[in-house]
């Protein structure tokens, strides 16, 4: 698990209402996508991303924008 993902897990756990200590399946899926977007973004920035990784990043970001209504 990446450092970004670990930090994200800690923040979401701290901000979660009492009695809801575990993430919902939607939150887990969103966290997984956020972590993958972060990992792929850094691969692109570092110049190490493959063409397939760039495509996957574009797909994830487009899906994220659609979900947010952007």
C-alpha atoms as a PDB file:
ATOM      1  CA  UNK A   1       0.000   0.000   0.000  1.00  0.00           C
ATOM      2  CA  UNK A   2       1.404   3.380  -0.968  1.00  0.00           C
ATOM      3  CA  UNK A   3       2.083   6.104   1.583  1.00  0.00           C
ATOM      4  CA  UNK A   4      -0.604   8.246  -0.073  1.00  0.00           C
ATOM      5  CA  UNK A   5      -3.121   5.426   0.345  1.00  0.00           C
ATOM      6  CA  UNK A   6      -2.138   4.888   3.992  1.00  0.00           C
ATOM      7  CA  UNK A   7      -2.564   8.596   4.743  1.00  0.00           C
ATOM      8  CA  UNK A   8      -5.914   8.632   2.929  1.00  0.00           C
ATOM      9  CA  UNK A   9      -7.095   5.649   5.021  1.00  0.00           C
ATOM     10  CA  UNK A  10      -6.088   7.405   8.257  1.00  0.00           C
ATOM     11  CA  UNK A  11      -7.803  10.673   7.301  1.00  0.00           C
ATOM     12  CA  UNK A  12     -11.043   8.973   6.267  1.00  0.00           C
ATOM     13  CA  UNK A  13     -11.034   6.918   9.466  1.00  0.00           C
ATOM     14  CA  UNK A  14     -10.555  10.049  11.605  1.00  0.00           C
ATOM     15  CA  UNK A  15     -13.302  11.972   9.774  1.00  0.00           C
ATOM     16  CA  UNK A  16     -15.830   9.121   9.853  1.00  0.00           C
ATOM     17  CA  UNK A  17     -18.783   9.532  12.251  1.00  0.00           C
ATOM     18  CA  UNK A  18     -18.683   7.545  15.508  1.00  0.00           C
ATOM     19  CA  UNK A  19     -19.953   4.035  15.107  1.00  0.00           C
ATOM     20  CA  UNK A  20     -18.836   3.876  11.497  1.00  0.00           C
ATOM     21  CA  UNK A  21     -15.230   2.812  11.999  1.00  0.00           C
ATOM     22  CA  UNK A  22     -15.058   0.753   8.831  1.00  0.00           C
ATOM     23  CA  UNK A  23     -15.294   2.091   5.323  1.00  0.00           C
ATOM     24  CA  UNK A  24     -18.314   1.309   3.207  1.00  0.00           C
ATOM     25  CA  UNK A  25     -17.778  -0.623  -0.005  1.00  0.00           C
ATOM     26  CA  UNK A  26     -18.255   2.623  -1.973  1.00  0.00           C
ATOM     27  CA  UNK A  27     -15.580   4.346   0.117  1.00  0.00           C
ATOM     28  CA  UNK A  28     -13.207   1.429  -0.350  1.00  0.00           C
ATOM     29  CA  UNK A  29     -13.709   1.475  -4.120  1.00  0.00           C
ATOM     30  CA  UNK A  30     -13.216   5.253  -4.202  1.00  0.00           C
ATOM     31  CA  UNK A  31     -10.069   4.945  -2.068  1.00  0.00           C
ATOM     32  CA  UNK A  32      -8.714   2.235  -4.362  1.00  0.00           C
ATOM     33  CA  UNK A  33      -9.339   4.449  -7.405  1.00  0.00           C
ATOM     34  CA  UNK A  34      -7.753   7.459  -5.692  1.00  0.00           C
ATOM     35  CA  UNK A  35      -4.688   5.379  -4.812  1.00  0.00           C
ATOM     36  CA  UNK A  36      -4.405   4.052  -8.362  1.00  0.00           C
ATOM     37  CA  UNK A  37      -4.792   7.564  -9.803  1.00  0.00           C
ATOM     38  CA  UNK A  38      -2.050   8.779  -7.465  1.00  0.00           C
ATOM     39  CA  UNK A  39       0.295   5.919  -8.361  1.00  0.00           C
ATOM     40  CA  UNK A  40      -0.274   6.350 -12.094  1.00  0.00           C
ATOM     41  CA  UNK A  41       0.074  10.134 -11.888  1.00  0.00           C
ATOM     42  CA  UNK A  42       3.469   9.780 -10.219  1.00  0.00           C
ATOM     43  CA  UNK A  43       4.524   7.233 -12.838  1.00  0.00           C
ATOM     44  CA  UNK A  44       3.670   9.793 -15.549  1.00  0.00           C
ATOM     45  CA  UNK A  45       5.441  12.625 -13.704  1.00  0.00           C
ATOM     46  CA  UNK A  46       8.525  10.443 -13.216  1.00  0.00           C
ATOM     47  CA  UNK A  47       8.488   9.517 -16.904  1.00  0.00           C
ATOM     48  CA  UNK A  48       8.106   5.805 -16.136  1.00  0.00           C
ATOM     49  CA  UNK A  49       4.482   5.233 -17.175  1.00  0.00           C
ATOM     50  CA  UNK A  50       3.759   2.846 -20.017  1.00  0.00           C
ATOM     51  CA  UNK A  51       1.227   3.670 -22.722  1.00  0.00           C
ATOM     52  CA  UNK A  52      -1.229   1.299 -21.026  1.00  0.00           C
ATOM     53  CA  UNK A  53      -0.727   3.044 -17.669  1.00  0.00           C
ATOM     54  CA  UNK A  54      -1.372   6.424 -19.307  1.00  0.00           C
ATOM     55  CA  UNK A  55      -4.581   5.066 -20.850  1.00  0.00           C
ATOM     56  CA  UNK A  56      -5.693   3.637 -17.500  1.00  0.00           C
ATOM     57  CA  UNK A  57      -5.025   6.974 -15.792  1.00  0.00           C
ATOM     58  CA  UNK A  58      -7.112   8.774 -18.416  1.00  0.00           C
ATOM     59  CA  UNK A  59      -9.974   6.284 -17.933  1.00  0.00           C
ATOM     60  CA  UNK A  60      -9.931   6.664 -14.149  1.00  0.00           C
ATOM     61  CA  UNK A  61      -9.783  10.459 -14.251  1.00  0.00           C
ATOM     62  CA  UNK A  62     -12.592  10.646 -16.831  1.00  0.00           C
ATOM     63  CA  UNK A  63     -14.761   8.334 -14.708  1.00  0.00           C
ATOM     64  CA  UNK A  64     -13.994  10.422 -11.625  1.00  0.00           C
ATOM     65  CA  UNK A  65     -15.043  13.614 -13.429  1.00  0.00           C
ATOM     66  CA  UNK A  66     -18.288  11.985 -14.598  1.00  0.00           C
ATOM     67  CA  UNK A  67     -19.092  10.884 -11.041  1.00  0.00           C
ATOM     68  CA  UNK A  68     -18.504  14.386  -9.726  1.00  0.00           C
ATOM     69  CA  UNK A  69     -20.636  15.915 -12.459  1.00  0.00           C
ATOM     70  CA  UNK A  70     -17.753  17.930 -13.905  1.00  0.00           C
END
